[in-house]
Amino acid sequence: MNFDISAIEQSANVVHEVLVGHLPDGPEGAPGTKVGFRVVGPASDQYQAVDREIQIVNVRDAVKQRATLDLKTDKGAELVVDTGADRRLRIVRACTVGWYGFKDGGQDFPFTPENLDRMLKARPNWVNRLIAAIEDEANFAGA
């Protein structure tokens, strides 16, 4: 890793590509066009903003739930699980800045917040894959 302050400052803007597959258009069984997401990491303005937003929500939720949350019940446990899932999705939405290779009816599938939600609804397991890539600083620091 380069520990020069200029390099460290520039790493906040590095975009990492998270490959999820290939289109089946390669010759003789070779992988076709890559398909994946473009994400920014923990040093980015996007991550810092959503992290602050999540911290504020956590404080509000803690105050609201202080007396009513019973983790021994299914309802209490479900609330904790759902809250964690919501936080992960917020990070993915904030830090996914594009994608490549996705199609809809043979045409390029444009990257929009609505289309990202649609994609993640179709492949919910990709949320964890994207979180892992977003929060791995080595993807953005040139390590």
N, C-alpha and C. Protein backbone atom coordinates (compact mmCIF):
# COMPACT_ATOMS: atom_id res chain seq x y z
N MET A 1 0.84 -1.18 0.00
CA MET A 1 0.00 0.00 0.00
C MET A 1 0.88 1.24 0.00
N ASN A 2 0.45 2.25 -0.73
CA ASN A 2 1.17 3.51 -0.78
C ASN A 2 0.65 4.41 0.34
N PHE A 3 1.54 4.79 1.27
CA PHE A 3 1.12 5.60 2.40
C PHE A 3 1.40 7.09 2.19
N ASP A 4 1.59 7.50 0.95
CA ASP A 4 1.71 8.91 0.62
C ASP A 4 0.34 9.56 0.80
N ILE A 5 0.27 10.71 1.46
CA ILE A 5 -1.01 11.34 1.77
C ILE A 5 -1.82 11.62 0.51
N SER A 6 -1.17 11.99 -0.57
CA SER A 6 -1.90 12.24 -1.82
C SER A 6 -2.56 10.95 -2.32
N ALA A 7 -1.84 9.85 -2.25
CA ALA A 7 -2.40 8.56 -2.68
C ALA A 7 -3.55 8.14 -1.76
N ILE A 8 -3.39 8.38 -0.47
CA ILE A 8 -4.45 8.03 0.48
C ILE A 8 -5.70 8.86 0.19
N GLU A 9 -5.52 10.16 -0.05
CA GLU A 9 -6.67 11.01 -0.35
C GLU A 9 -7.35 10.58 -1.65
N GLN A 10 -6.57 10.24 -2.65
CA GLN A 10 -7.14 9.81 -3.94
C GLN A 10 -7.85 8.47 -3.84
N SER A 11 -7.44 7.63 -2.90
CA SER A 11 -8.06 6.31 -2.78
C SER A 11 -9.53 6.40 -2.38
N ALA A 12 -9.94 7.52 -1.82
CA ALA A 12 -11.35 7.70 -1.45
C ALA A 12 -12.25 7.67 -2.68
N ASN A 13 -11.69 7.99 -3.83
CA ASN A 13 -12.48 8.04 -5.06
C ASN A 13 -12.31 6.82 -5.96
N VAL A 14 -11.58 5.82 -5.50
CA VAL A 14 -11.35 4.62 -6.30
C VAL A 14 -12.66 3.83 -6.42
N VAL A 15 -12.93 3.37 -7.63
CA VAL A 15 -14.09 2.54 -7.89
C VAL A 15 -13.60 1.11 -8.12
N HIS A 16 -14.21 0.18 -7.42
CA HIS A 16 -13.86 -1.25 -7.52
C HIS A 16 -14.95 -1.97 -8.29
N GLU A 17 -14.56 -2.90 -9.13
CA GLU A 17 -15.52 -3.69 -9.90
C GLU A 17 -15.73 -5.04 -9.23
N VAL A 18 -17.01 -5.38 -9.01
CA VAL A 18 -17.38 -6.65 -8.39
C VAL A 18 -17.99 -7.52 -9.48
N LEU A 19 -17.22 -8.46 -9.96
CA LEU A 19 -17.66 -9.34 -11.04
C LEU A 19 -18.65 -10.37 -10.50
N VAL A 20 -19.80 -10.50 -11.18
CA VAL A 20 -20.78 -11.52 -10.78
C VAL A 20 -20.98 -12.59 -11.85
N GLY A 21 -20.41 -12.40 -13.03
CA GLY A 21 -20.55 -13.41 -14.06
C GLY A 21 -20.14 -12.91 -15.43
N HIS A 22 -20.47 -13.71 -16.43
CA HIS A 22 -20.17 -13.39 -17.83
C HIS A 22 -21.40 -13.66 -18.67
N LEU A 23 -21.59 -12.86 -19.71
CA LEU A 23 -22.63 -13.15 -20.68
C LEU A 23 -22.17 -14.33 -21.54
N PRO A 24 -23.08 -15.17 -21.99
CA PRO A 24 -22.67 -16.36 -22.74
C PRO A 24 -22.42 -16.09 -24.22
N ASP A 25 -21.54 -15.12 -24.51
CA ASP A 25 -21.30 -14.80 -25.91
C ASP A 25 -19.86 -15.00 -26.35
N GLY A 26 -19.10 -15.73 -25.55
CA GLY A 26 -17.72 -15.97 -25.91
C GLY A 26 -17.60 -17.08 -26.94
N PRO A 27 -16.57 -17.01 -27.81
CA PRO A 27 -16.38 -18.07 -28.81
C PRO A 27 -15.90 -19.36 -28.16
N GLU A 28 -16.42 -20.46 -28.64
CA GLU A 28 -15.99 -21.80 -28.22
C GLU A 28 -16.01 -21.98 -26.70
N GLY A 29 -17.05 -21.49 -26.08
CA GLY A 29 -17.20 -21.68 -24.64
C GLY A 29 -16.39 -20.74 -23.78
N ALA A 30 -15.65 -19.82 -24.38
CA ALA A 30 -14.88 -18.85 -23.60
C ALA A 30 -15.85 -17.90 -22.90
N PRO A 31 -15.45 -17.40 -21.73
CA PRO A 31 -16.32 -16.45 -21.05
C PRO A 31 -16.63 -15.25 -21.95
N GLY A 32 -17.86 -14.80 -21.88
CA GLY A 32 -18.27 -13.64 -22.67
C GLY A 32 -18.01 -12.36 -21.92
N THR A 33 -18.76 -11.36 -22.27
CA THR A 33 -18.64 -10.04 -21.66
C THR A 33 -18.85 -10.13 -20.15
N LYS A 34 -18.02 -9.45 -19.39
CA LYS A 34 -18.13 -9.45 -17.93
C LYS A 34 -19.40 -8.73 -17.50
N VAL A 35 -19.95 -9.19 -16.37
CA VAL A 35 -21.13 -8.59 -15.77
C VAL A 35 -20.82 -8.33 -14.30
N GLY A 36 -21.09 -7.12 -13.85
CA GLY A 36 -20.81 -6.82 -12.45
C GLY A 36 -21.22 -5.43 -12.05
N PHE A 37 -20.78 -5.07 -10.86
CA PHE A 37 -21.14 -3.79 -10.24
C PHE A 37 -19.88 -2.95 -10.02
N ARG A 38 -20.07 -1.65 -10.00
CA ARG A 38 -19.01 -0.71 -9.64
C ARG A 38 -19.37 -0.10 -8.29
N VAL A 39 -18.44 -0.22 -7.33
CA VAL A 39 -18.71 0.25 -5.98
C VAL A 39 -17.58 1.14 -5.48
N VAL A 40 -17.91 1.98 -4.52
CA VAL A 40 -16.91 2.77 -3.81
C VAL A 40 -16.84 2.23 -2.38
N GLY A 41 -15.75 2.57 -1.70
CA GLY A 41 -15.48 1.95 -0.41
C GLY A 41 -15.63 2.84 0.79
N PRO A 42 -15.09 2.38 1.92
CA PRO A 42 -15.29 3.03 3.21
C PRO A 42 -14.75 4.46 3.30
N ALA A 43 -13.80 4.83 2.48
CA ALA A 43 -13.26 6.19 2.54
C ALA A 43 -14.05 7.17 1.67
N SER A 44 -14.99 6.65 0.90
CA SER A 44 -15.74 7.51 -0.02
C SER A 44 -16.73 8.41 0.71
N ASP A 45 -17.09 9.51 0.08
CA ASP A 45 -18.11 10.39 0.63
C ASP A 45 -19.44 9.66 0.78
N GLN A 46 -19.75 8.79 -0.18
CA GLN A 46 -21.02 8.05 -0.14
C GLN A 46 -21.09 7.16 1.10
N TYR A 47 -20.01 6.44 1.35
CA TYR A 47 -20.00 5.53 2.51
C TYR A 47 -20.07 6.33 3.80
N GLN A 48 -19.28 7.39 3.88
CA GLN A 48 -19.28 8.20 5.10
C GLN A 48 -20.66 8.79 5.38
N ALA A 49 -21.36 9.25 4.34
CA ALA A 49 -22.69 9.82 4.52
C ALA A 49 -23.69 8.76 4.98
N VAL A 50 -23.67 7.59 4.35
CA VAL A 50 -24.64 6.55 4.73
C VAL A 50 -24.30 5.99 6.11
N ASP A 51 -23.03 5.92 6.46
CA ASP A 51 -22.64 5.45 7.79
C ASP A 51 -23.17 6.41 8.85
N ARG A 52 -23.07 7.69 8.61
CA ARG A 52 -23.62 8.69 9.55
C ARG A 52 -25.13 8.54 9.64
N GLU A 53 -25.78 8.39 8.50
CA GLU A 53 -27.24 8.20 8.47
C GLU A 53 -27.64 6.97 9.30
N ILE A 54 -26.90 5.89 9.15
CA ILE A 54 -27.19 4.66 9.89
C ILE A 54 -26.98 4.86 11.39
N GLN A 55 -25.93 5.58 11.76
CA GLN A 55 -25.69 5.84 13.18
C GLN A 55 -26.84 6.64 13.79
N ILE A 56 -27.35 7.62 13.04
CA ILE A 56 -28.48 8.43 13.53
C ILE A 56 -29.71 7.54 13.69
N VAL A 57 -29.98 6.69 12.70
CA VAL A 57 -31.11 5.77 12.79
C VAL A 57 -30.93 4.83 13.98
N ASN A 58 -29.72 4.35 14.19
CA ASN A 58 -29.46 3.45 15.33
C ASN A 58 -29.79 4.12 16.66
N VAL A 59 -29.40 5.38 16.81
CA VAL A 59 -29.68 6.10 18.05
C VAL A 59 -31.18 6.27 18.22
N ARG A 60 -31.86 6.69 17.14
CA ARG A 60 -33.32 6.86 17.23
C ARG A 60 -34.00 5.55 17.58
N ASP A 61 -33.58 4.47 16.90
CA ASP A 61 -34.19 3.16 17.15
C ASP A 61 -33.92 2.69 18.58
N ALA A 62 -32.72 2.94 19.08
CA ALA A 62 -32.39 2.52 20.44
C ALA A 62 -33.28 3.21 21.45
N VAL A 63 -33.55 4.48 21.24
CA VAL A 63 -34.42 5.22 22.15
C VAL A 63 -35.85 4.70 22.06
N LYS A 64 -36.33 4.46 20.83
CA LYS A 64 -37.70 3.96 20.65
C LYS A 64 -37.87 2.56 21.23
N GLN A 65 -36.86 1.72 21.09
CA GLN A 65 -36.98 0.31 21.45
C GLN A 65 -36.51 0.00 22.87
N ARG A 66 -35.98 0.96 23.56
CA ARG A 66 -35.37 0.69 24.87
C ARG A 66 -36.29 -0.11 25.78
N ALA A 67 -37.52 0.28 25.86
CA ALA A 67 -38.43 -0.38 26.80
C ALA A 67 -39.24 -1.50 26.14
N THR A 68 -39.32 -1.52 24.83
CA THR A 68 -40.25 -2.44 24.19
C THR A 68 -39.60 -3.63 23.50
N LEU A 69 -38.32 -3.61 23.29
CA LEU A 69 -37.66 -4.68 22.54
C LEU A 69 -37.33 -5.85 23.46
N ASP A 70 -37.90 -7.00 23.15
CA ASP A 70 -37.64 -8.23 23.90
C ASP A 70 -37.02 -9.24 22.95
N LEU A 71 -35.73 -9.42 23.05
CA LEU A 71 -35.02 -10.31 22.14
C LEU A 71 -35.32 -11.78 22.37
N LYS A 72 -36.04 -12.11 23.42
CA LYS A 72 -36.42 -13.50 23.66
C LYS A 72 -37.64 -13.89 22.83
N THR A 73 -38.29 -12.91 22.23
CA THR A 73 -39.47 -13.20 21.42
C THR A 73 -39.08 -13.21 19.94
N ASP A 74 -39.91 -13.90 19.15
CA ASP A 74 -39.68 -13.90 17.70
C ASP A 74 -39.76 -12.49 17.14
N LYS A 75 -40.73 -11.72 17.62
CA LYS A 75 -40.90 -10.35 17.11
C LYS A 75 -39.66 -9.50 17.38
N GLY A 76 -39.12 -9.60 18.57
CA GLY A 76 -37.92 -8.84 18.90
C GLY A 76 -36.72 -9.27 18.07
N ALA A 77 -36.55 -10.58 17.93
CA ALA A 77 -35.43 -11.09 17.13
C ALA A 77 -35.58 -10.71 15.66
N GLU A 78 -36.81 -10.80 15.14
CA GLU A 78 -37.06 -10.41 13.75
C GLU A 78 -36.72 -8.94 13.51
N LEU A 79 -37.05 -8.10 14.49
CA LEU A 79 -36.76 -6.67 14.34
C LEU A 79 -35.26 -6.43 14.23
N VAL A 80 -34.48 -7.12 15.04
CA VAL A 80 -33.02 -6.96 14.98
C VAL A 80 -32.49 -7.44 13.63
N VAL A 81 -32.97 -8.59 13.16
CA VAL A 81 -32.52 -9.13 11.87
C VAL A 81 -32.91 -8.19 10.73
N ASP A 82 -34.16 -7.74 10.73
CA ASP A 82 -34.63 -6.84 9.68
C ASP A 82 -33.89 -5.52 9.69
N THR A 83 -33.56 -5.03 10.86
CA THR A 83 -32.82 -3.77 10.98
C THR A 83 -31.43 -3.92 10.39
N GLY A 84 -30.78 -5.04 10.66
CA GLY A 84 -29.45 -5.29 10.08
C GLY A 84 -29.51 -5.38 8.57
N ALA A 85 -30.53 -6.05 8.05
CA ALA A 85 -30.68 -6.17 6.60
C ALA A 85 -30.91 -4.80 5.97
N ASP A 86 -31.71 -3.98 6.63
CA ASP A 86 -31.96 -2.63 6.12
C ASP A 86 -30.67 -1.82 6.08
N ARG A 87 -29.85 -1.93 7.11
CA ARG A 87 -28.57 -1.19 7.16
C ARG A 87 -27.66 -1.63 6.01
N ARG A 88 -27.56 -2.94 5.78
CA ARG A 88 -26.70 -3.43 4.68
C ARG A 88 -27.20 -2.93 3.33
N LEU A 89 -28.50 -2.95 3.14
CA LEU A 89 -29.07 -2.48 1.88
C LEU A 89 -28.82 -0.99 1.69
N ARG A 90 -28.89 -0.21 2.75
CA ARG A 90 -28.59 1.23 2.65
C ARG A 90 -27.16 1.46 2.16
N ILE A 91 -26.23 0.67 2.70
CA ILE A 91 -24.82 0.81 2.29
C ILE A 91 -24.67 0.44 0.82
N VAL A 92 -25.27 -0.66 0.42
CA VAL A 92 -25.16 -1.09 -0.99
C VAL A 92 -25.76 -0.04 -1.91
N ARG A 93 -26.92 0.49 -1.56
CA ARG A 93 -27.55 1.52 -2.40
C ARG A 93 -26.67 2.76 -2.52
N ALA A 94 -26.06 3.16 -1.42
CA ALA A 94 -25.25 4.39 -1.42
C ALA A 94 -23.92 4.20 -2.15
N CYS A 95 -23.34 3.01 -2.04
CA CYS A 95 -21.98 2.80 -2.53
C CYS A 95 -21.90 2.11 -3.89
N THR A 96 -23.01 1.65 -4.42
CA THR A 96 -23.00 1.08 -5.76
C THR A 96 -23.23 2.24 -6.72
N VAL A 97 -22.22 2.54 -7.52
CA VAL A 97 -22.26 3.73 -8.38
C VAL A 97 -22.46 3.40 -9.86
N GLY A 98 -22.58 2.12 -10.15
CA GLY A 98 -22.80 1.72 -11.54
C GLY A 98 -22.73 0.22 -11.68
N TRP A 99 -22.93 -0.22 -12.93
CA TRP A 99 -22.76 -1.64 -13.25
C TRP A 99 -22.44 -1.78 -14.70
N TYR A 100 -22.14 -2.99 -15.11
CA TYR A 100 -21.80 -3.25 -16.51
C TYR A 100 -22.26 -4.65 -16.89
N GLY A 101 -22.68 -4.78 -18.13
CA GLY A 101 -23.02 -6.08 -18.67
C GLY A 101 -24.45 -6.55 -18.48
N PHE A 102 -25.21 -5.91 -17.62
CA PHE A 102 -26.59 -6.37 -17.39
C PHE A 102 -27.47 -6.01 -18.58
N LYS A 103 -28.40 -6.91 -18.88
CA LYS A 103 -29.29 -6.74 -20.03
C LYS A 103 -30.74 -6.87 -19.59
N ASP A 104 -31.63 -6.32 -20.39
CA ASP A 104 -33.07 -6.48 -20.22
C ASP A 104 -33.66 -6.62 -21.62
N GLY A 105 -34.10 -7.82 -21.94
CA GLY A 105 -34.63 -8.06 -23.28
C GLY A 105 -33.59 -7.86 -24.37
N GLY A 106 -32.33 -8.17 -24.09
CA GLY A 106 -31.27 -8.04 -25.07
C GLY A 106 -30.65 -6.65 -25.13
N GLN A 107 -31.26 -5.69 -24.46
CA GLN A 107 -30.74 -4.31 -24.44
C GLN A 107 -29.99 -4.07 -23.13
N ASP A 108 -29.07 -3.10 -23.16
CA ASP A 108 -28.39 -2.73 -21.92
C ASP A 108 -29.43 -2.32 -20.87
N PHE A 109 -29.25 -2.79 -19.66
CA PHE A 109 -30.14 -2.48 -18.55
C PHE A 109 -29.54 -1.29 -17.83
N PRO A 110 -30.17 -0.11 -17.93
CA PRO A 110 -29.56 1.09 -17.36
C PRO A 110 -29.46 1.04 -15.84
N PHE A 111 -28.38 1.61 -15.32
CA PHE A 111 -28.19 1.67 -13.88
C PHE A 111 -28.97 2.85 -13.34
N THR A 112 -29.95 2.57 -12.50
CA THR A 112 -30.72 3.58 -11.77
C THR A 112 -30.96 3.02 -10.37
N PRO A 113 -31.30 3.85 -9.40
CA PRO A 113 -31.62 3.33 -8.07
C PRO A 113 -32.77 2.31 -8.12
N GLU A 114 -33.76 2.56 -8.95
CA GLU A 114 -34.89 1.65 -9.05
C GLU A 114 -34.46 0.31 -9.66
N ASN A 115 -33.62 0.37 -10.69
CA ASN A 115 -33.14 -0.87 -11.31
C ASN A 115 -32.20 -1.64 -10.39
N LEU A 116 -31.42 -0.92 -9.59
CA LEU A 116 -30.58 -1.58 -8.60
C LEU A 116 -31.45 -2.34 -7.61
N ASP A 117 -32.51 -1.71 -7.11
CA ASP A 117 -33.43 -2.39 -6.19
C ASP A 117 -34.05 -3.62 -6.86
N ARG A 118 -34.43 -3.47 -8.12
CA ARG A 118 -35.01 -4.60 -8.86
C ARG A 118 -34.01 -5.75 -8.97
N MET A 119 -32.76 -5.42 -9.27
CA MET A 119 -31.72 -6.44 -9.41
C MET A 119 -31.48 -7.14 -8.08
N LEU A 120 -31.41 -6.37 -7.00
CA LEU A 120 -31.13 -6.96 -5.70
C LEU A 120 -32.32 -7.76 -5.17
N LYS A 121 -33.52 -7.41 -5.61
CA LYS A 121 -34.68 -8.22 -5.26
C LYS A 121 -34.61 -9.57 -5.98
N ALA A 122 -34.13 -9.55 -7.22
CA ALA A 122 -34.00 -10.79 -7.99
C ALA A 122 -32.84 -11.66 -7.47
N ARG A 123 -31.80 -11.03 -6.96
CA ARG A 123 -30.63 -11.75 -6.43
C ARG A 123 -30.25 -11.18 -5.06
N PRO A 124 -31.05 -11.45 -4.03
CA PRO A 124 -30.79 -10.86 -2.70
C PRO A 124 -29.44 -11.26 -2.11
N ASN A 125 -28.90 -12.40 -2.52
CA ASN A 125 -27.60 -12.83 -2.00
C ASN A 125 -26.48 -11.91 -2.45
N TRP A 126 -26.70 -11.12 -3.50
CA TRP A 126 -25.67 -10.19 -3.95
C TRP A 126 -25.46 -9.04 -2.97
N VAL A 127 -26.42 -8.76 -2.10
CA VAL A 127 -26.24 -7.71 -1.10
C VAL A 127 -25.02 -8.03 -0.25
N ASN A 128 -24.94 -9.25 0.26
CA ASN A 128 -23.80 -9.62 1.10
C ASN A 128 -22.49 -9.62 0.31
N ARG A 129 -22.56 -10.03 -0.92
CA ARG A 129 -21.36 -10.03 -1.78
C ARG A 129 -20.86 -8.59 -2.00
N LEU A 130 -21.79 -7.68 -2.24
CA LEU A 130 -21.42 -6.28 -2.45
C LEU A 130 -20.93 -5.65 -1.16
N ILE A 131 -21.57 -5.94 -0.04
CA ILE A 131 -21.11 -5.41 1.26
C ILE A 131 -19.67 -5.84 1.52
N ALA A 132 -19.38 -7.11 1.27
CA ALA A 132 -18.02 -7.61 1.50
C ALA A 132 -17.01 -6.84 0.65
N ALA A 133 -17.35 -6.58 -0.60
CA ALA A 133 -16.43 -5.84 -1.48
C ALA A 133 -16.31 -4.38 -1.07
N ILE A 134 -17.42 -3.78 -0.69
CA ILE A 134 -17.43 -2.36 -0.30
C ILE A 134 -16.60 -2.14 0.96
N GLU A 135 -16.71 -3.05 1.90
CA GLU A 135 -16.05 -2.84 3.19
C GLU A 135 -14.62 -3.39 3.25
N ASP A 136 -14.14 -3.96 2.16
CA ASP A 136 -12.77 -4.45 2.11
C ASP A 136 -11.86 -3.34 1.57
N GLU A 137 -11.20 -2.65 2.48
CA GLU A 137 -10.38 -1.50 2.09
C GLU A 137 -9.29 -1.85 1.09
N ALA A 138 -8.85 -3.09 1.07
CA ALA A 138 -7.81 -3.48 0.12
C ALA A 138 -8.29 -3.29 -1.32
N ASN A 139 -9.59 -3.34 -1.55
CA ASN A 139 -10.12 -3.13 -2.91
C ASN A 139 -9.93 -1.68 -3.37
N PHE A 140 -9.67 -0.77 -2.46
CA PHE A 140 -9.64 0.65 -2.80
C PHE A 140 -8.30 1.32 -2.49
N ALA A 141 -7.42 0.60 -1.82
CA ALA A 141 -6.16 1.21 -1.37
C ALA A 141 -4.96 0.81 -2.20
N GLY A 142 -5.18 -0.02 -3.20
CA GLY A 142 -4.06 -0.46 -4.02
C GLY A 142 -3.14 -1.42 -3.29
N ALA A 143 -3.68 -2.05 -2.24
CA ALA A 143 -2.87 -2.99 -1.44
C ALA A 143 -2.69 -4.30 -2.17
